[in-house]
Amino acid sequence: MNDNPYAPPKALVDDTVPTQAPMERPKQVVTAIWLAVIGYGLGLIVIFLSWDYYSRLQSLGVFIGSQLFSLILMIWIYYKVYVGRNWARIVLLVLSILGALAVANRAVMDLLAAAPSIVKVQMFVGLGLNAAVLWLLFFSPGRQWFRRA
């Protein structure tokens, strides 16, 4: 033992954080993302199938720009939900609620009245898929994926 008062202390210091096994992504989250991607893809297919209807609603440049922006935004949000970001799950919820409220709007209902039947069917199928996605992300065991460690 060294009696030198100026000697550094001799204690073992370990700054490593105990490693925890990473949580496995729940199958409900994977299913939710697949349903969201399928719903978005169906929407794009319906746009191409009823192009004459959509081309009358707005100019080509604005339409393509808004669809491209929407595609990039949704890919980013879906990815963030997939990796477990809770804020992305909440943003998806808010966007889904805003979309459902927009469908209930009188002006949108008037536009839908003149729409081809495939657009109407896709609108309701999309709402159903969104409801299923939100259920899987908020109420099923998939919600555990978004809890802080």
N, C-alpha and C. Protein backbone atom coordinates (compact mmCIF):
# COMPACT_ATOMS: atom_id res chain seq x y z
N MET A 1 0.84 -1.17 0.00
CA MET A 1 0.00 0.00 0.00
C MET A 1 0.88 1.23 0.00
N ASN A 2 0.54 2.18 -0.81
CA ASN A 2 1.31 3.40 -0.95
C ASN A 2 0.67 4.47 -0.06
N ASP A 3 1.44 5.07 0.80
CA ASP A 3 0.92 6.11 1.70
C ASP A 3 1.10 7.50 1.13
N ASN A 4 1.42 7.61 -0.12
CA ASN A 4 1.60 8.91 -0.76
C ASN A 4 0.26 9.59 -0.92
N PRO A 5 0.03 10.76 -0.30
CA PRO A 5 -1.28 11.44 -0.43
C PRO A 5 -1.53 11.98 -1.83
N TYR A 6 -0.48 12.06 -2.65
CA TYR A 6 -0.64 12.59 -4.00
C TYR A 6 -0.84 11.51 -5.06
N ALA A 7 -0.85 10.29 -4.64
CA ALA A 7 -1.04 9.18 -5.58
C ALA A 7 -2.51 9.14 -6.02
N PRO A 8 -2.77 8.85 -7.30
CA PRO A 8 -4.17 8.78 -7.76
C PRO A 8 -4.89 7.60 -7.11
N PRO A 9 -6.18 7.72 -6.99
CA PRO A 9 -6.94 6.61 -6.38
C PRO A 9 -6.89 5.38 -7.26
N LYS A 10 -7.01 4.26 -6.62
CA LYS A 10 -6.91 3.01 -7.34
C LYS A 10 -8.27 2.30 -7.30
N ALA A 11 -9.21 2.85 -8.06
CA ALA A 11 -10.54 2.25 -8.14
C ALA A 11 -10.82 1.88 -9.58
N LEU A 12 -11.50 0.75 -9.77
CA LEU A 12 -11.88 0.34 -11.11
C LEU A 12 -13.12 1.12 -11.52
N VAL A 13 -13.01 1.82 -12.61
CA VAL A 13 -14.13 2.61 -13.12
C VAL A 13 -14.51 2.04 -14.48
N ASP A 14 -15.78 1.69 -14.61
CA ASP A 14 -16.26 1.12 -15.87
C ASP A 14 -17.40 1.99 -16.38
N ASP A 15 -17.17 2.68 -17.48
CA ASP A 15 -18.18 3.59 -18.03
C ASP A 15 -19.08 2.92 -19.06
N THR A 16 -18.93 1.67 -19.27
CA THR A 16 -19.75 1.01 -20.28
C THR A 16 -21.16 0.79 -19.74
N VAL A 17 -22.10 0.98 -20.62
CA VAL A 17 -23.50 0.75 -20.28
C VAL A 17 -23.77 -0.74 -20.45
N PRO A 18 -24.45 -1.34 -19.48
CA PRO A 18 -24.75 -2.76 -19.67
C PRO A 18 -25.58 -2.96 -20.93
N THR A 19 -25.13 -3.86 -21.75
CA THR A 19 -25.83 -4.08 -23.02
C THR A 19 -27.10 -4.87 -22.78
N GLN A 20 -28.11 -4.43 -23.47
CA GLN A 20 -29.41 -5.07 -23.38
C GLN A 20 -29.70 -5.67 -24.75
N ALA A 21 -30.26 -6.83 -24.76
CA ALA A 21 -30.58 -7.45 -26.03
C ALA A 21 -31.57 -6.56 -26.77
N PRO A 22 -31.29 -6.25 -28.04
CA PRO A 22 -32.22 -5.39 -28.78
C PRO A 22 -33.58 -6.06 -28.92
N MET A 23 -34.61 -5.21 -28.79
CA MET A 23 -35.97 -5.73 -28.89
C MET A 23 -36.24 -6.13 -30.34
N GLU A 24 -36.86 -7.25 -30.50
CA GLU A 24 -37.22 -7.71 -31.84
C GLU A 24 -38.45 -6.97 -32.32
N ARG A 25 -38.41 -6.53 -33.58
CA ARG A 25 -39.52 -5.78 -34.16
C ARG A 25 -40.77 -6.67 -34.18
N PRO A 26 -41.86 -6.20 -33.59
CA PRO A 26 -43.09 -7.02 -33.59
C PRO A 26 -43.64 -7.21 -35.00
N LYS A 27 -44.24 -8.36 -35.22
CA LYS A 27 -44.81 -8.64 -36.54
C LYS A 27 -45.96 -7.70 -36.86
N GLN A 28 -46.61 -7.13 -35.84
CA GLN A 28 -47.70 -6.18 -36.08
C GLN A 28 -47.18 -4.90 -36.75
N VAL A 29 -45.98 -4.47 -36.39
CA VAL A 29 -45.39 -3.27 -37.00
C VAL A 29 -45.05 -3.56 -38.46
N VAL A 30 -44.49 -4.72 -38.72
CA VAL A 30 -44.15 -5.09 -40.10
C VAL A 30 -45.43 -5.18 -40.94
N THR A 31 -46.47 -5.80 -40.38
CA THR A 31 -47.75 -5.92 -41.09
C THR A 31 -48.35 -4.55 -41.34
N ALA A 32 -48.27 -3.66 -40.35
CA ALA A 32 -48.82 -2.31 -40.51
C ALA A 32 -48.12 -1.55 -41.64
N ILE A 33 -46.81 -1.67 -41.69
CA ILE A 33 -46.07 -0.96 -42.75
C ILE A 33 -46.42 -1.55 -44.11
N TRP A 34 -46.54 -2.88 -44.20
CA TRP A 34 -46.92 -3.49 -45.48
C TRP A 34 -48.32 -3.05 -45.91
N LEU A 35 -49.25 -2.99 -44.96
CA LEU A 35 -50.60 -2.53 -45.30
C LEU A 35 -50.59 -1.07 -45.76
N ALA A 36 -49.78 -0.24 -45.11
CA ALA A 36 -49.68 1.16 -45.50
C ALA A 36 -49.10 1.29 -46.91
N VAL A 37 -48.07 0.52 -47.19
CA VAL A 37 -47.45 0.56 -48.52
C VAL A 37 -48.43 0.05 -49.59
N ILE A 38 -49.15 -1.01 -49.27
CA ILE A 38 -50.14 -1.54 -50.22
C ILE A 38 -51.23 -0.51 -50.48
N GLY A 39 -51.71 0.14 -49.41
CA GLY A 39 -52.74 1.17 -49.57
C GLY A 39 -52.26 2.32 -50.42
N TYR A 40 -51.02 2.76 -50.19
CA TYR A 40 -50.47 3.86 -50.99
C TYR A 40 -50.29 3.43 -52.44
N GLY A 41 -49.80 2.21 -52.63
CA GLY A 41 -49.63 1.70 -53.99
C GLY A 41 -50.95 1.57 -54.73
N LEU A 42 -51.99 1.10 -54.04
CA LEU A 42 -53.32 1.03 -54.67
C LEU A 42 -53.80 2.41 -55.08
N GLY A 43 -53.53 3.38 -54.24
CA GLY A 43 -53.90 4.76 -54.58
C GLY A 43 -53.22 5.23 -55.86
N LEU A 44 -51.94 4.92 -56.00
CA LEU A 44 -51.22 5.31 -57.22
C LEU A 44 -51.76 4.58 -58.45
N ILE A 45 -52.10 3.31 -58.27
CA ILE A 45 -52.66 2.55 -59.40
C ILE A 45 -54.00 3.15 -59.83
N VAL A 46 -54.83 3.51 -58.86
CA VAL A 46 -56.13 4.12 -59.19
C VAL A 46 -55.94 5.46 -59.88
N ILE A 47 -54.93 6.21 -59.48
CA ILE A 47 -54.65 7.48 -60.16
C ILE A 47 -54.34 7.23 -61.63
N PHE A 48 -53.52 6.24 -61.92
CA PHE A 48 -53.18 5.94 -63.31
C PHE A 48 -54.38 5.42 -64.09
N LEU A 49 -55.22 4.62 -63.43
CA LEU A 49 -56.39 4.06 -64.12
C LEU A 49 -57.46 5.11 -64.41
N SER A 50 -57.54 6.12 -63.59
CA SER A 50 -58.54 7.17 -63.80
C SER A 50 -57.86 8.52 -64.00
N TRP A 51 -56.84 8.50 -64.83
CA TRP A 51 -56.05 9.70 -65.09
C TRP A 51 -56.88 10.85 -65.64
N ASP A 52 -57.85 10.57 -66.49
CA ASP A 52 -58.65 11.65 -67.08
C ASP A 52 -59.42 12.41 -66.00
N TYR A 53 -59.89 11.74 -64.98
CA TYR A 53 -60.60 12.40 -63.88
C TYR A 53 -59.66 13.30 -63.09
N TYR A 54 -58.50 12.78 -62.71
CA TYR A 54 -57.56 13.56 -61.91
C TYR A 54 -56.94 14.70 -62.69
N SER A 55 -56.76 14.53 -63.99
CA SER A 55 -56.15 15.60 -64.79
C SER A 55 -57.07 16.81 -64.92
N ARG A 56 -58.37 16.60 -64.73
CA ARG A 56 -59.31 17.73 -64.77
C ARG A 56 -59.33 18.51 -63.46
N LEU A 57 -58.85 17.94 -62.38
CA LEU A 57 -58.92 18.59 -61.08
C LEU A 57 -57.84 19.65 -60.86
N GLN A 58 -56.65 19.45 -61.40
CA GLN A 58 -55.57 20.41 -61.24
C GLN A 58 -54.57 20.24 -62.38
N SER A 59 -53.68 21.23 -62.48
CA SER A 59 -52.71 21.19 -63.58
C SER A 59 -51.75 20.03 -63.40
N LEU A 60 -51.15 19.60 -64.48
CA LEU A 60 -50.26 18.45 -64.49
C LEU A 60 -49.05 18.68 -63.58
N GLY A 61 -48.45 19.86 -63.66
CA GLY A 61 -47.26 20.15 -62.85
C GLY A 61 -47.55 20.11 -61.36
N VAL A 62 -48.64 20.73 -60.97
CA VAL A 62 -49.01 20.74 -59.55
C VAL A 62 -49.35 19.33 -59.08
N PHE A 63 -50.06 18.59 -59.90
CA PHE A 63 -50.45 17.24 -59.54
C PHE A 63 -49.24 16.34 -59.36
N ILE A 64 -48.33 16.34 -60.32
CA ILE A 64 -47.13 15.49 -60.23
C ILE A 64 -46.25 15.93 -59.06
N GLY A 65 -46.11 17.25 -58.88
CA GLY A 65 -45.32 17.75 -57.76
C GLY A 65 -45.89 17.35 -56.41
N SER A 66 -47.20 17.45 -56.25
CA SER A 66 -47.81 17.08 -54.98
C SER A 66 -47.73 15.57 -54.74
N GLN A 67 -47.88 14.77 -55.80
CA GLN A 67 -47.77 13.32 -55.64
C GLN A 67 -46.34 12.90 -55.32
N LEU A 68 -45.36 13.55 -55.93
CA LEU A 68 -43.97 13.25 -55.65
C LEU A 68 -43.60 13.63 -54.22
N PHE A 69 -44.05 14.81 -53.77
CA PHE A 69 -43.80 15.24 -52.40
C PHE A 69 -44.46 14.27 -51.42
N SER A 70 -45.68 13.89 -51.71
CA SER A 70 -46.41 12.95 -50.85
C SER A 70 -45.70 11.61 -50.78
N LEU A 71 -45.22 11.11 -51.90
CA LEU A 71 -44.51 9.83 -51.93
C LEU A 71 -43.25 9.87 -51.08
N ILE A 72 -42.46 10.92 -51.23
CA ILE A 72 -41.22 11.04 -50.46
C ILE A 72 -41.52 11.16 -48.98
N LEU A 73 -42.52 11.97 -48.62
CA LEU A 73 -42.89 12.15 -47.22
C LEU A 73 -43.37 10.83 -46.60
N MET A 74 -44.19 10.11 -47.31
CA MET A 74 -44.74 8.87 -46.75
C MET A 74 -43.68 7.78 -46.64
N ILE A 75 -42.77 7.70 -47.59
CA ILE A 75 -41.67 6.73 -47.48
C ILE A 75 -40.85 7.03 -46.23
N TRP A 76 -40.57 8.29 -46.00
CA TRP A 76 -39.78 8.70 -44.83
C TRP A 76 -40.52 8.37 -43.54
N ILE A 77 -41.81 8.70 -43.47
CA ILE A 77 -42.59 8.43 -42.26
C ILE A 77 -42.72 6.92 -42.03
N TYR A 78 -42.99 6.15 -43.09
CA TYR A 78 -43.09 4.69 -42.94
C TYR A 78 -41.78 4.11 -42.43
N TYR A 79 -40.67 4.60 -42.94
CA TYR A 79 -39.36 4.11 -42.48
C TYR A 79 -39.16 4.43 -41.01
N LYS A 80 -39.50 5.65 -40.62
CA LYS A 80 -39.31 6.04 -39.22
C LYS A 80 -40.22 5.24 -38.29
N VAL A 81 -41.42 4.92 -38.72
CA VAL A 81 -42.30 4.05 -37.93
C VAL A 81 -41.68 2.66 -37.85
N TYR A 82 -41.14 2.18 -38.94
CA TYR A 82 -40.54 0.85 -39.00
C TYR A 82 -39.39 0.70 -38.01
N VAL A 83 -38.59 1.76 -37.85
CA VAL A 83 -37.45 1.69 -36.93
C VAL A 83 -37.83 2.03 -35.50
N GLY A 84 -39.10 2.40 -35.26
CA GLY A 84 -39.56 2.57 -33.89
C GLY A 84 -39.65 3.98 -33.37
N ARG A 85 -39.72 4.97 -34.23
CA ARG A 85 -39.84 6.36 -33.79
C ARG A 85 -41.29 6.66 -33.44
N ASN A 86 -41.53 7.01 -32.19
CA ASN A 86 -42.88 7.26 -31.73
C ASN A 86 -43.48 8.50 -32.39
N TRP A 87 -42.67 9.54 -32.63
CA TRP A 87 -43.18 10.76 -33.24
C TRP A 87 -43.73 10.47 -34.64
N ALA A 88 -43.10 9.53 -35.35
CA ALA A 88 -43.57 9.19 -36.70
C ALA A 88 -44.91 8.49 -36.64
N ARG A 89 -45.10 7.67 -35.62
CA ARG A 89 -46.39 7.00 -35.43
C ARG A 89 -47.48 8.03 -35.15
N ILE A 90 -47.15 9.05 -34.37
CA ILE A 90 -48.13 10.10 -34.06
C ILE A 90 -48.41 10.95 -35.30
N VAL A 91 -47.37 11.26 -36.08
CA VAL A 91 -47.58 12.02 -37.32
C VAL A 91 -48.47 11.23 -38.27
N LEU A 92 -48.27 9.93 -38.36
CA LEU A 92 -49.12 9.09 -39.20
C LEU A 92 -50.57 9.12 -38.72
N LEU A 93 -50.76 9.11 -37.42
CA LEU A 93 -52.11 9.22 -36.84
C LEU A 93 -52.76 10.54 -37.21
N VAL A 94 -52.02 11.63 -37.06
CA VAL A 94 -52.56 12.97 -37.37
C VAL A 94 -52.90 13.07 -38.86
N LEU A 95 -52.01 12.59 -39.72
CA LEU A 95 -52.29 12.64 -41.16
C LEU A 95 -53.50 11.79 -41.52
N SER A 96 -53.66 10.66 -40.87
CA SER A 96 -54.81 9.80 -41.14
C SER A 96 -56.11 10.46 -40.69
N ILE A 97 -56.08 11.10 -39.53
CA ILE A 97 -57.27 11.80 -39.05
C ILE A 97 -57.62 12.96 -39.98
N LEU A 98 -56.62 13.72 -40.40
CA LEU A 98 -56.87 14.83 -41.33
C LEU A 98 -57.44 14.32 -42.65
N GLY A 99 -56.92 13.19 -43.13
CA GLY A 99 -57.45 12.61 -44.36
C GLY A 99 -58.88 12.16 -44.22
N ALA A 100 -59.21 11.54 -43.08
CA ALA A 100 -60.58 11.10 -42.85
C ALA A 100 -61.52 12.30 -42.73
N LEU A 101 -61.06 13.36 -42.08
CA LEU A 101 -61.89 14.57 -41.97
C LEU A 101 -62.08 15.24 -43.33
N ALA A 102 -61.05 15.17 -44.17
CA ALA A 102 -61.16 15.76 -45.51
C ALA A 102 -62.19 15.02 -46.34
N VAL A 103 -62.25 13.71 -46.18
CA VAL A 103 -63.25 12.92 -46.92
C VAL A 103 -64.65 13.30 -46.47
N ALA A 104 -64.82 13.65 -45.21
CA ALA A 104 -66.13 14.03 -44.69
C ALA A 104 -66.52 15.46 -45.08
N ASN A 105 -65.59 16.22 -45.64
CA ASN A 105 -65.86 17.59 -46.05
C ASN A 105 -66.86 17.62 -47.21
N ARG A 106 -67.72 18.58 -47.20
CA ARG A 106 -68.78 18.69 -48.22
C ARG A 106 -68.19 18.89 -49.63
N ALA A 107 -67.15 19.71 -49.74
CA ALA A 107 -66.55 19.96 -51.06
C ALA A 107 -65.92 18.68 -51.62
N VAL A 108 -65.29 17.91 -50.76
CA VAL A 108 -64.68 16.66 -51.22
C VAL A 108 -65.76 15.66 -51.60
N MET A 109 -66.86 15.65 -50.85
CA MET A 109 -67.96 14.75 -51.18
C MET A 109 -68.56 15.11 -52.55
N ASP A 110 -68.63 16.40 -52.86
CA ASP A 110 -69.12 16.81 -54.17
C ASP A 110 -68.17 16.36 -55.28
N LEU A 111 -66.85 16.43 -55.03
CA LEU A 111 -65.87 15.96 -56.01
C LEU A 111 -65.99 14.45 -56.18
N LEU A 112 -66.21 13.75 -55.08
CA LEU A 112 -66.33 12.29 -55.16
C LEU A 112 -67.60 11.86 -55.89
N ALA A 113 -68.62 12.68 -55.84
CA ALA A 113 -69.86 12.34 -56.54
C ALA A 113 -69.63 12.23 -58.04
N ALA A 114 -68.72 13.06 -58.56
CA ALA A 114 -68.43 13.05 -59.99
C ALA A 114 -67.29 12.08 -60.34
N ALA A 115 -66.70 11.45 -59.34
CA ALA A 115 -65.55 10.58 -59.56
C ALA A 115 -65.99 9.22 -60.10
N PRO A 116 -65.11 8.57 -60.83
CA PRO A 116 -65.40 7.20 -61.27
C PRO A 116 -65.55 6.28 -60.05
N SER A 117 -66.23 5.18 -60.24
CA SER A 117 -66.52 4.29 -59.12
C SER A 117 -65.24 3.68 -58.53
N ILE A 118 -64.21 3.49 -59.34
CA ILE A 118 -62.97 2.92 -58.81
C ILE A 118 -62.31 3.87 -57.80
N VAL A 119 -62.47 5.17 -58.02
CA VAL A 119 -61.93 6.16 -57.08
C VAL A 119 -62.69 6.10 -55.76
N LYS A 120 -64.00 5.95 -55.83
CA LYS A 120 -64.81 5.86 -54.61
C LYS A 120 -64.47 4.61 -53.82
N VAL A 121 -64.33 3.50 -54.53
CA VAL A 121 -64.00 2.24 -53.85
C VAL A 121 -62.63 2.35 -53.21
N GLN A 122 -61.67 2.89 -53.93
CA GLN A 122 -60.32 3.02 -53.39
C GLN A 122 -60.31 3.94 -52.18
N MET A 123 -61.13 4.97 -52.17
CA MET A 123 -61.19 5.90 -51.04
C MET A 123 -61.60 5.15 -49.77
N PHE A 124 -62.62 4.31 -49.87
CA PHE A 124 -63.08 3.60 -48.69
C PHE A 124 -62.16 2.44 -48.31
N VAL A 125 -61.57 1.80 -49.30
CA VAL A 125 -60.58 0.75 -49.00
C VAL A 125 -59.37 1.37 -48.31
N GLY A 126 -58.95 2.54 -48.78
CA GLY A 126 -57.84 3.25 -48.16
C GLY A 126 -58.13 3.64 -46.72
N LEU A 127 -59.35 4.10 -46.46
CA LEU A 127 -59.72 4.42 -45.08
C LEU A 127 -59.70 3.18 -44.19
N GLY A 128 -60.17 2.06 -44.73
CA GLY A 128 -60.12 0.81 -43.97
C GLY A 128 -58.71 0.35 -43.70
N LEU A 129 -57.84 0.46 -44.70
CA LEU A 129 -56.44 0.08 -44.50
C LEU A 129 -55.77 1.00 -43.48
N ASN A 130 -56.07 2.30 -43.54
CA ASN A 130 -55.51 3.23 -42.55
C ASN A 130 -55.97 2.87 -41.15
N ALA A 131 -57.24 2.50 -41.01
CA ALA A 131 -57.75 2.11 -39.69
C ALA A 131 -57.02 0.86 -39.19
N ALA A 132 -56.78 -0.09 -40.08
CA ALA A 132 -56.06 -1.31 -39.68
C ALA A 132 -54.61 -0.99 -39.29
N VAL A 133 -53.97 -0.11 -40.04
CA VAL A 133 -52.60 0.29 -39.73
C VAL A 133 -52.54 0.94 -38.36
N LEU A 134 -53.46 1.86 -38.10
CA LEU A 134 -53.46 2.55 -36.81
C LEU A 134 -53.76 1.58 -35.67
N TRP A 135 -54.65 0.64 -35.90
CA TRP A 135 -54.93 -0.36 -34.88
C TRP A 135 -53.67 -1.16 -34.54
N LEU A 136 -52.96 -1.58 -35.57
CA LEU A 136 -51.75 -2.38 -35.35
C LEU A 136 -50.65 -1.59 -34.64
N LEU A 137 -50.59 -0.28 -34.89
CA LEU A 137 -49.53 0.53 -34.31
C LEU A 137 -49.87 1.07 -32.92
N PHE A 138 -51.15 1.22 -32.61
CA PHE A 138 -51.53 1.86 -31.35
C PHE A 138 -52.19 0.91 -30.34
N PHE A 139 -52.87 -0.13 -30.78
CA PHE A 139 -53.65 -0.94 -29.86
C PHE A 139 -53.20 -2.39 -29.77
N SER A 140 -52.49 -2.89 -30.71
CA SER A 140 -52.04 -4.27 -30.69
C SER A 140 -50.71 -4.34 -29.92
N PRO A 141 -50.15 -5.52 -29.78
CA PRO A 141 -48.83 -5.62 -29.13
C PRO A 141 -47.74 -4.83 -29.87
N GLY A 142 -48.02 -4.37 -31.07
CA GLY A 142 -47.05 -3.57 -31.81
C GLY A 142 -46.72 -2.26 -31.14
N ARG A 143 -47.59 -1.79 -30.26
CA ARG A 143 -47.33 -0.51 -29.59
C ARG A 143 -46.11 -0.57 -28.68
N GLN A 144 -45.74 -1.77 -28.24
CA GLN A 144 -44.57 -1.92 -27.37
C GLN A 144 -43.27 -1.52 -28.08
N TRP A 145 -43.27 -1.59 -29.39
CA TRP A 145 -42.08 -1.25 -30.18
C TRP A 145 -41.70 0.22 -30.01
N PHE A 146 -42.65 1.06 -29.64
CA PHE A 146 -42.41 2.50 -29.58
C PHE A 146 -42.13 2.99 -28.17
N ARG A 147 -42.05 2.11 -27.21
CA ARG A 147 -41.74 2.51 -25.84
C ARG A 147 -40.24 2.74 -25.71
N ARG A 148 -39.90 3.70 -24.87
CA ARG A 148 -38.48 3.97 -24.62
C ARG A 148 -37.86 2.84 -23.83
N ALA A 149 -36.61 2.55 -24.14
CA ALA A 149 -35.91 1.46 -23.43
C ALA A 149 -35.50 1.93 -22.04
